[in-house]
C-alpha atoms as a PDB file:
ATOM      1  CA  MET A   1      32.904 -59.469  61.280  1.00  0.00           C
ATOM      2  CA  SER A   2      31.687 -58.713  57.726  1.00  0.00           C
ATOM      3  CA  SER A   3      30.027 -61.816  55.727  1.00  0.00           C
ATOM      4  CA  VAL A   4      31.505 -60.232  52.467  1.00  0.00           C
ATOM      5  CA  GLN A   5      33.765 -62.315  50.706  1.00  0.00           C
ATOM      6  CA  VAL A   6      34.906 -60.695  47.607  1.00  0.00           C
ATOM      7  CA  TYR A   7      35.071 -57.086  46.982  1.00  0.00           C
ATOM      8  CA  PHE A   8      34.839 -55.120  43.754  1.00  0.00           C
ATOM      9  CA  VAL A   9      36.513 -52.038  43.903  1.00  0.00           C
ATOM     10  CA  GLY A  10      36.830 -48.932  41.647  1.00  0.00           C
ATOM     11  CA  ALA A  11      40.609 -47.981  41.413  1.00  0.00           C
ATOM     12  CA  GLY A  12      39.855 -44.684  40.400  1.00  0.00           C
ATOM     13  CA  PRO A  13      40.944 -43.230  37.020  1.00  0.00           C
ATOM     14  CA  GLY A  14      44.840 -43.723  37.696  1.00  0.00           C
ATOM     15  CA  ASP A  15      45.913 -41.129  40.395  1.00  0.00           C
ATOM     16  CA  PRO A  16      46.366 -43.663  43.714  1.00  0.00           C
ATOM     17  CA  ASP A  17      45.096 -40.568  45.843  1.00  0.00           C
ATOM     18  CA  LEU A  18      41.792 -40.666  43.660  1.00  0.00           C
ATOM     19  CA  ILE A  19      40.955 -44.109  45.081  1.00  0.00           C
ATOM     20  CA  THR A  20      38.192 -43.552  47.720  1.00  0.00           C
ATOM     21  CA  VAL A  21      39.196 -43.968  51.569  1.00  0.00           C
ATOM     22  CA  LYS A  22      37.066 -47.273  51.727  1.00  0.00           C
ATOM     23  CA  GLY A  23      38.557 -48.754  48.404  1.00  0.00           C
ATOM     24  CA  ARG A  24      42.132 -47.993  49.881  1.00  0.00           C
ATOM     25  CA  LYS A  25      40.965 -49.655  53.073  1.00  0.00           C
ATOM     26  CA  MET A  26      40.089 -52.962  51.300  1.00  0.00           C
ATOM     27  CA  LEU A  27      43.440 -53.051  49.298  1.00  0.00           C
ATOM     28  CA  GLU A  28      45.215 -52.506  52.741  1.00  0.00           C
ATOM     29  CA  GLU A  29      43.507 -55.384  54.309  1.00  0.00           C
ATOM     30  CA  ALA A  30      43.436 -57.731  51.208  1.00  0.00           C
ATOM     31  CA  ASP A  31      44.720 -61.219  50.645  1.00  0.00           C
ATOM     32  CA  ILE A  32      44.276 -61.474  47.353  1.00  0.00           C
ATOM     33  CA  VAL A  33      44.018 -59.135  44.700  1.00  0.00           C
ATOM     34  CA  VAL A  34      42.670 -59.517  41.113  1.00  0.00           C
ATOM     35  CA  TYR A  35      43.175 -56.440  39.106  1.00  0.00           C
ATOM     36  CA  ALA A  36      42.765 -55.212  35.756  1.00  0.00           C
ATOM     37  CA  GLY A  37      46.189 -54.895  34.552  1.00  0.00           C
ATOM     38  CA  SER A  38      45.952 -53.155  31.252  1.00  0.00           C
ATOM     39  CA  LEU A  39      43.987 -50.069  32.907  1.00  0.00           C
ATOM     40  CA  VAL A  40      44.819 -49.796  36.509  1.00  0.00           C
ATOM     41  CA  ASN A  41      47.563 -47.923  37.547  1.00  0.00           C
ATOM     42  CA  PRO A  42      49.993 -50.583  39.233  1.00  0.00           C
ATOM     43  CA  ALA A  43      51.097 -47.789  42.088  1.00  0.00           C
ATOM     44  CA  VAL A  44      47.346 -48.034  43.368  1.00  0.00           C
ATOM     45  CA  LEU A  45      48.773 -51.660  44.470  1.00  0.00           C
ATOM     46  CA  ALA A  46      51.581 -50.013  46.831  1.00  0.00           C
ATOM     47  CA  VAL A  47      49.169 -50.171  49.589  1.00  0.00           C
ATOM     48  CA  THR A  48      48.796 -53.937  49.748  1.00  0.00           C
ATOM     49  CA  PRO A  49      50.259 -55.771  52.742  1.00  0.00           C
ATOM     50  CA  ALA A  50      53.259 -57.813  52.391  1.00  0.00           C
ATOM     51  CA  GLY A  51      52.341 -61.480  51.100  1.00  0.00           C
ATOM     52  CA  CYS A  52      49.238 -60.122  49.410  1.00  0.00           C
ATOM     53  CA  GLU A  53      48.770 -62.413  46.505  1.00  0.00           C
ATOM     54  CA  ILE A  54      48.145 -60.676  43.069  1.00  0.00           C
ATOM     55  CA  HIS A  55      47.141 -61.541  39.802  1.00  0.00           C
ATOM     56  CA  ASN A  56      47.018 -59.262  36.611  1.00  0.00           C
ATOM     57  CA  SER A  57      43.490 -60.016  35.011  1.00  0.00           C
ATOM     58  CA  ALA A  58      44.880 -58.825  31.416  1.00  0.00           C
ATOM     59  CA  SER A  59      46.174 -62.638  30.793  1.00  0.00           C
ATOM     60  CA  MET A  60      43.288 -64.274  32.411  1.00  0.00           C
ATOM     61  CA  THR A  61      39.824 -65.334  31.174  1.00  0.00           C
ATOM     62  CA  LEU A  62      36.499 -65.142  33.045  1.00  0.00           C
ATOM     63  CA  ASP A  63      36.644 -68.443  34.437  1.00  0.00           C
ATOM     64  CA  GLU A  64      40.137 -68.326  35.626  1.00  0.00           C
ATOM     65  CA  VAL A  65      39.331 -64.917  37.401  1.00  0.00           C
ATOM     66  CA  ILE A  66      36.203 -66.482  39.411  1.00  0.00           C
ATOM     67  CA  ALA A  67      38.611 -70.052  39.923  1.00  0.00           C
ATOM     68  CA  VAL A  68      40.895 -67.236  41.763  1.00  0.00           C
ATOM     69  CA  MET A  69      38.075 -65.968  43.763  1.00  0.00           C
ATOM     70  CA  LYS A  70      36.457 -68.948  44.649  1.00  0.00           C
ATOM     71  CA  ALA A  71      40.014 -70.682  45.506  1.00  0.00           C
ATOM     72  CA  GLY A  72      40.447 -67.636  47.752  1.00  0.00           C
ATOM     73  CA  VAL A  73      36.963 -67.626  49.658  1.00  0.00           C
ATOM     74  CA  GLU A  74      37.446 -71.199  50.438  1.00  0.00           C
ATOM     75  CA  GLN A  75      40.263 -70.466  52.495  1.00  0.00           C
ATOM     76  CA  GLY A  76      38.823 -67.908  54.091  1.00  0.00           C
ATOM     77  CA  LYS A  77      41.057 -64.988  52.452  1.00  0.00           C
ATOM     78  CA  LYS A  78      39.783 -61.271  51.445  1.00  0.00           C
ATOM     79  CA  VAL A  79      39.489 -61.050  47.848  1.00  0.00           C
ATOM     80  CA  VAL A  80      39.458 -57.678  46.223  1.00  0.00           C
ATOM     81  CA  ARG A  81      38.743 -57.591  42.615  1.00  0.00           C
ATOM     82  CA  LEU A  82      39.928 -54.092  41.452  1.00  0.00           C
ATOM     83  CA  HIS A  83      38.882 -52.381  38.186  1.00  0.00           C
ATOM     84  CA  THR A  84      39.645 -49.010  36.848  1.00  0.00           C
ATOM     85  CA  GLY A  85      37.520 -45.837  37.383  1.00  0.00           C
ATOM     86  CA  ASP A  86      34.125 -47.166  38.318  1.00  0.00           C
ATOM     87  CA  PRO A  87      33.507 -50.526  38.307  1.00  0.00           C
ATOM     88  CA  SER A  88      29.826 -50.037  36.748  1.00  0.00           C
ATOM     89  CA  ILE A  89      31.035 -48.170  33.729  1.00  0.00           C
ATOM     90  CA  TYR A  90      32.499 -50.910  31.310  1.00  0.00           C
ATOM     91  CA  GLY A  91      33.915 -52.610  34.026  1.00  0.00           C
ATOM     92  CA  ALA A  92      32.424 -56.322  32.951  1.00  0.00           C
ATOM     93  CA  ILE A  93      31.299 -57.112  36.712  1.00  0.00           C
ATOM     94  CA  GLN A  94      27.974 -58.101  36.053  1.00  0.00           C
ATOM     95  CA  GLU A  95      29.148 -61.344  34.580  1.00  0.00           C
ATOM     96  CA  GLN A  96      31.109 -61.873  37.534  1.00  0.00           C
ATOM     97  CA  ILE A  97      28.515 -60.837  40.000  1.00  0.00           C
ATOM     98  CA  ASP A  98      26.094 -63.292  38.571  1.00  0.00           C
ATOM     99  CA  LEU A  99      28.699 -66.142  38.560  1.00  0.00           C
ATOM    100  CA  LEU A 100      29.579 -65.487  42.375  1.00  0.00           C
ATOM    101  CA  ASN A 101      25.978 -65.595  42.521  1.00  0.00           C
ATOM    102  CA  LYS A 102      25.575 -69.152  41.222  1.00  0.00           C
ATOM    103  CA  LEU A 103      28.497 -70.049  43.497  1.00  0.00           C
ATOM    104  CA  ASP A 104      26.635 -68.660  46.465  1.00  0.00           C
ATOM    105  CA  ILE A 105      29.648 -66.218  47.333  1.00  0.00           C
ATOM    106  CA  SER A 106      29.107 -62.827  49.041  1.00  0.00           C
ATOM    107  CA  TRP A 107      30.042 -59.885  47.317  1.00  0.00           C
ATOM    108  CA  GLN A 108      30.051 -56.077  47.701  1.00  0.00           C
ATOM    109  CA  VAL A 109      30.933 -53.092  45.089  1.00  0.00           C
ATOM    110  CA  VAL A 110      32.896 -50.067  46.106  1.00  0.00           C
ATOM    111  CA  PRO A 111      32.428 -47.293  43.681  1.00  0.00           C
ATOM    112  CA  GLY A 112      35.391 -45.365  42.304  1.00  0.00           C
ATOM    113  CA  VAL A 113      35.954 -42.043  40.464  1.00  0.00           C
ATOM    114  CA  SER A 114      35.210 -42.587  36.777  1.00  0.00           C
ATOM    115  CA  SER A 115      37.701 -41.285  33.943  1.00  0.00           C
ATOM    116  CA  PHE A 116      34.912 -38.990  32.507  1.00  0.00           C
ATOM    117  CA  LEU A 117      34.970 -37.189  35.764  1.00  0.00           C
ATOM    118  CA  ALA A 118      38.756 -36.820  35.990  1.00  0.00           C
ATOM    119  CA  ALA A 119      38.693 -35.531  32.488  1.00  0.00           C
ATOM    120  CA  ALA A 120      36.078 -32.907  33.552  1.00  0.00           C
ATOM    121  CA  ALA A 121      38.580 -32.083  36.518  1.00  0.00           C
ATOM    122  CA  ALA A 122      41.780 -32.191  34.203  1.00  0.00           C
ATOM    123  CA  LEU A 123      39.765 -29.554  31.642  1.00  0.00           C
ATOM    124  CA  GLY A 124      38.444 -27.625  34.485  1.00  0.00           C
ATOM    125  CA  GLN A 125      35.111 -28.202  32.938  1.00  0.00           C
ATOM    126  CA  GLU A 126      31.271 -28.529  34.065  1.00  0.00           C
ATOM    127  CA  TYR A 127      29.081 -30.812  31.494  1.00  0.00           C
ATOM    128  CA  THR A 128      25.811 -29.078  32.433  1.00  0.00           C
ATOM    129  CA  LEU A 129      25.832 -25.532  31.784  1.00  0.00           C
ATOM    130  CA  PRO A 130      22.509 -23.666  32.222  1.00  0.00           C
ATOM    131  CA  GLY A 131      21.246 -23.015  28.347  1.00  0.00           C
ATOM    132  CA  VAL A 132      23.870 -25.070  26.702  1.00  0.00           C
ATOM    133  CA  SER A 133      23.450 -28.671  28.128  1.00  0.00           C
ATOM    134  CA  GLN A 134      21.578 -30.334  31.274  1.00  0.00           C
ATOM    135  CA  THR A 135      22.482 -33.976  29.899  1.00  0.00           C
ATOM    136  CA  VAL A 136      25.350 -36.117  29.805  1.00  0.00           C
ATOM    137  CA  ILE A 137      25.389 -39.302  27.519  1.00  0.00           C
ATOM    138  CA  ILE A 138      28.304 -41.931  28.385  1.00  0.00           C
ATOM    139  CA  THR A 139      28.773 -44.311  25.426  1.00  0.00           C
ATOM    140  CA  ARG A 140      31.572 -45.750  23.441  1.00  0.00           C
ATOM    141  CA  MET A 141      31.615 -46.768  19.582  1.00  0.00           C
ATOM    142  CA  GLU A 142      30.937 -50.381  18.254  1.00  0.00           C
ATOM    143  CA  GLY A 143      33.814 -52.351  18.478  1.00  0.00           C
ATOM    144  CA  ARG A 144      34.203 -56.159  19.279  1.00  0.00           C
ATOM    145  CA  THR A 145      31.207 -55.608  21.733  1.00  0.00           C
ATOM    146  CA  PRO A 146      28.123 -54.709  19.816  1.00  0.00           C
ATOM    147  CA  VAL A 147      26.085 -51.713  20.535  1.00  0.00           C
ATOM    148  CA  PRO A 148      22.201 -51.638  20.060  1.00  0.00           C
ATOM    149  CA  GLU A 149      21.269 -49.724  17.013  1.00  0.00           C
ATOM    150  CA  LYS A 150      19.245 -47.167  18.878  1.00  0.00           C
ATOM    151  CA  GLU A 151      22.306 -46.446  20.602  1.00  0.00           C
ATOM    152  CA  GLN A 152      24.535 -45.874  17.752  1.00  0.00           C
ATOM    153  CA  ILE A 153      26.710 -42.817  17.941  1.00  0.00           C
ATOM    154  CA  ARG A 154      24.774 -41.163  15.151  1.00  0.00           C
ATOM    155  CA  SER A 155      21.472 -41.727  17.100  1.00  0.00           C
ATOM    156  CA  LEU A 156      22.909 -40.164  20.416  1.00  0.00           C
ATOM    157  CA  ALA A 157      24.461 -37.376  18.557  1.00  0.00           C
ATOM    158  CA  ALA A 158      21.194 -36.336  17.263  1.00  0.00           C
ATOM    159  CA  HIS A 159      20.685 -34.834  21.201  1.00  0.00           C
ATOM    160  CA  GLN A 160      23.280 -32.433  20.542  1.00  0.00           C
ATOM    161  CA  THR A 161      24.501 -32.814  24.438  1.00  0.00           C
ATOM    162  CA  THR A 162      27.569 -33.129  26.081  1.00  0.00           C
ATOM    163  CA  MET A 163      28.924 -36.656  25.088  1.00  0.00           C
ATOM    164  CA  CYS A 164      31.781 -38.449  26.665  1.00  0.00           C
ATOM    165  CA  ILE A 165      32.964 -41.205  24.765  1.00  0.00           C
ATOM    166  CA  PHE A 166      34.814 -44.230  26.046  1.00  0.00           C
ATOM    167  CA  LEU A 167      37.100 -46.566  24.329  1.00  0.00           C
ATOM    168  CA  SER A 168      36.998 -44.950  21.037  1.00  0.00           C
ATOM    169  CA  VAL A 169      39.769 -42.843  20.162  1.00  0.00           C
ATOM    170  CA  HIS A 170      41.551 -45.488  18.253  1.00  0.00           C
ATOM    171  CA  MET A 171      38.346 -45.281  15.765  1.00  0.00           C
ATOM    172  CA  PHE A 172      38.538 -41.528  15.657  1.00  0.00           C
ATOM    173  CA  GLY A 173      38.073 -40.972  12.180  1.00  0.00           C
ATOM    174  CA  GLU A 174      34.914 -43.009  12.137  1.00  0.00           C
ATOM    175  CA  LEU A 175      33.595 -41.612  15.427  1.00  0.00           C
ATOM    176  CA  VAL A 176      33.994 -38.166  13.850  1.00  0.00           C
ATOM    177  CA  GLN A 177      31.921 -38.934  11.195  1.00  0.00           C
ATOM    178  CA  GLU A 178      29.052 -40.591  13.287  1.00  0.00           C
ATOM    179  CA  LEU A 179      29.089 -37.276  15.076  1.00  0.00           C
ATOM    180  CA  LEU A 180      28.587 -35.423  11.960  1.00  0.00           C
ATOM    181  CA  ASP A 181      26.009 -37.701  10.657  1.00  0.00           C
ATOM    182  CA  GLY A 182      24.239 -37.238  13.826  1.00  0.00           C
ATOM    183  CA  GLY A 183      24.008 -33.586  13.478  1.00  0.00           C
ATOM    184  CA  TYR A 184      26.826 -32.361  15.339  1.00  0.00           C
ATOM    185  CA  ALA A 185      28.262 -29.077  13.610  1.00  0.00           C
ATOM    186  CA  ALA A 186      31.859 -29.538  12.034  1.00  0.00           C
ATOM    187  CA  ASP A 187      32.844 -26.564  14.423  1.00  0.00           C
ATOM    188  CA  THR A 188      31.678 -28.325  17.508  1.00  0.00           C
ATOM    189  CA  PRO A 189      34.159 -28.365  20.374  1.00  0.00           C
ATOM    190  CA  VAL A 190      35.997 -31.413  21.123  1.00  0.00           C
ATOM    191  CA  ALA A 191      38.415 -32.178  24.085  1.00  0.00           C
ATOM    192  CA  VAL A 192      40.466 -35.081  24.464  1.00  0.00           C
ATOM    193  CA  VAL A 193      41.902 -36.485  27.761  1.00  0.00           C
ATOM    194  CA  GLU A 194      44.416 -39.021  27.280  1.00  0.00           C
ATOM    195  CA  LYS A 195      45.410 -41.022  30.752  1.00  0.00           C
ATOM    196  CA  ALA A 196      43.451 -38.320  32.893  1.00  0.00           C
ATOM    197  CA  SER A 197      44.979 -37.748  36.248  1.00  0.00           C
ATOM    198  CA  TRP A 198      47.913 -39.859  35.463  1.00  0.00           C
ATOM    199  CA  PRO A 199      51.339 -38.160  35.537  1.00  0.00           C
ATOM    200  CA  GLU A 200      51.753 -38.459  31.819  1.00  0.00           C
ATOM    201  CA  GLN A 201      48.433 -36.837  31.271  1.00  0.00           C
ATOM    202  CA  ARG A 202      47.864 -34.867  28.125  1.00  0.00           C
ATOM    203  CA  ILE A 203      44.777 -32.561  27.134  1.00  0.00           C
ATOM    204  CA  PHE A 204      44.013 -32.011  23.265  1.00  0.00           C
ATOM    205  CA  ARG A 205      41.476 -29.346  22.327  1.00  0.00           C
ATOM    206  CA  GLY A 206      39.948 -28.506  18.846  1.00  0.00           C
ATOM    207  CA  THR A 207      36.523 -28.971  17.024  1.00  0.00           C
ATOM    208  CA  LEU A 208      35.339 -32.091  15.075  1.00  0.00           C
ATOM    209  CA  THR A 209      37.276 -31.160  12.188  1.00  0.00           C
ATOM    210  CA  THR A 210      40.516 -29.997  13.473  1.00  0.00           C
ATOM    211  CA  ILE A 211      41.292 -32.258  16.525  1.00  0.00           C
ATOM    212  CA  ALA A 212      42.176 -35.381  14.382  1.00  0.00           C
ATOM    213  CA  ASP A 213      45.306 -34.325  13.183  1.00  0.00           C
ATOM    214  CA  GLN A 214      46.780 -33.472  16.888  1.00  0.00           C
ATOM    215  CA  LEU A 215      46.035 -36.904  18.002  1.00  0.00           C
ATOM    216  CA  VAL A 216      47.698 -38.560  15.278  1.00  0.00           C
ATOM    217  CA  ALA A 217      50.931 -36.372  15.726  1.00  0.00           C
ATOM    218  CA  ALA A 218      51.025 -37.006  19.481  1.00  0.00           C
ATOM    219  CA  GLY A 219      50.369 -40.667  18.743  1.00  0.00           C
ATOM    220  CA  VAL A 220      47.281 -41.131  20.820  1.00  0.00           C
ATOM    221  CA  SER A 221      45.586 -44.174  20.270  1.00  0.00           C
ATOM    222  CA  ARG A 222      44.296 -45.494  23.706  1.00  0.00           C
ATOM    223  CA  THR A 223      43.498 -44.514  27.222  1.00  0.00           C
ATOM    224  CA  ALA A 224      41.677 -41.467  26.380  1.00  0.00           C
ATOM    225  CA  MET A 225      38.151 -40.014  27.095  1.00  0.00           C
ATOM    226  CA  VAL A 226      36.630 -37.868  23.771  1.00  0.00           C
ATOM    227  CA  ILE A 227      34.468 -35.227  25.087  1.00  0.00           C
ATOM    228  CA  VAL A 228      32.240 -33.522  22.482  1.00  0.00           C
ATOM    229  CA  GLY A 229      29.542 -30.504  23.088  1.00  0.00           C
ATOM    230  CA  ASP A 230      28.971 -26.712  22.908  1.00  0.00           C
ATOM    231  CA  VAL A 231      29.997 -26.573  26.982  1.00  0.00           C
ATOM    232  CA  LEU A 232      33.171 -26.778  25.767  1.00  0.00           C
ATOM    233  CA  ALA A 233      32.856 -23.629  24.126  1.00  0.00           C
ATOM    234  CA  ARG A 234      32.058 -21.738  27.772  1.00  0.00           C
ATOM    235  CA  GLU A 235      29.523 -19.637  26.608  1.00  0.00           C
ATOM    236  CA  TYR A 236      26.588 -20.149  29.042  1.00  0.00           C
ATOM    237  CA  GLU A 237      24.266 -18.664  31.553  1.00  0.00           C
ATOM    238  CA  GLN A 238      24.837 -18.261  35.123  1.00  0.00           C
ATOM    239  CA  SER A 239      22.973 -20.562  37.166  1.00  0.00           C
ATOM    240  CA  ARG A 240      19.774 -19.335  38.637  1.00  0.00           C
ATOM    241  CA  LEU A 241      20.751 -21.261  42.169  1.00  0.00           C
ATOM    242  CA  TYR A 242      22.973 -18.094  43.547  1.00  0.00           C
ATOM    243  CA  ALA A 243      20.983 -15.072  41.644  1.00  0.00           C
ATOM    244  CA  PRO A 244      19.956 -12.694  44.392  1.00  0.00           C
ATOM    245  CA  GLU A 245      16.383 -12.336  43.305  1.00  0.00           C
ATOM    246  CA  PHE A 246      16.134 -16.262  43.446  1.00  0.00           C
ATOM    247  CA  GLY A 247      14.864 -17.525  46.790  1.00  0.00           C
ATOM    248  CA  HIS A 248      14.891 -21.227  48.384  1.00  0.00           C
ATOM    249  CA  MET A 249      14.818 -22.945  51.507  1.00  0.00           C
ATOM    250  CA  PHE A 250      18.473 -21.509  52.683  1.00  0.00           C
ATOM    251  CA  ARG A 251      18.015 -18.015  51.460  1.00  0.00           C
ATOM    252  CA  GLU A 252      15.579 -15.248  51.173  1.00  0.00           C
ATOM    253  CA  ALA A 253      15.398 -13.873  47.731  1.00  0.00           C
ATOM    254  CA  LYS A 254      16.651  -9.989  47.275  1.00  0.00           C
ATOM    255  CA  PRO A 255      15.320  -7.351  45.185  1.00  0.00           C
END
């Protein structure tokens, strides 16, 4: 029998089929689920067993979430804490894990598919293209949660690489100004994917100076990923991995 008492599970970006096999198994066996109701697609919960106790953490404090977990563990129940995407990115799981450690409650994290990956799939886009960008920066605008000075958008923009920006579409005007001040050209390609992988998914494409009007007209104000960078222009060098003159341990080079 597993000694794990609480499972932190990544629900994926929205499509119920994009949860991992292990994550789905945890839900199928759960006695208690505490899910991030403001972001997780409720359809993911359809596999929970009859009688499963379900709590929406959108209306709960951290102490209330931990209290539910603690009570479930004391009753010998299997507890699942369900977060959107992958719990390691803006999931606020560290504070929960630290409190569980203090209570001597064992836990395990089951990773999930992040929305920045679902956005790439929706766009049919590779984020790392030879000759264009070999680095992806995952970040967000400063809001109620502060961002260190050296990680401000304008500082990161100086790298001119692919940026995937979470939790910032409601501040899009400020975001664009930060990107421009950081060094991106006004005609840098931008894509915004709203609710990536959900049935109501929408995709918007433009440049730093043209896409804002589209977002305003469409009423996009939350649950959207902003992707910035020249990889979206699709002009790149071919990978050397499959070049005939490039040999490696699985294939000899051809003249």
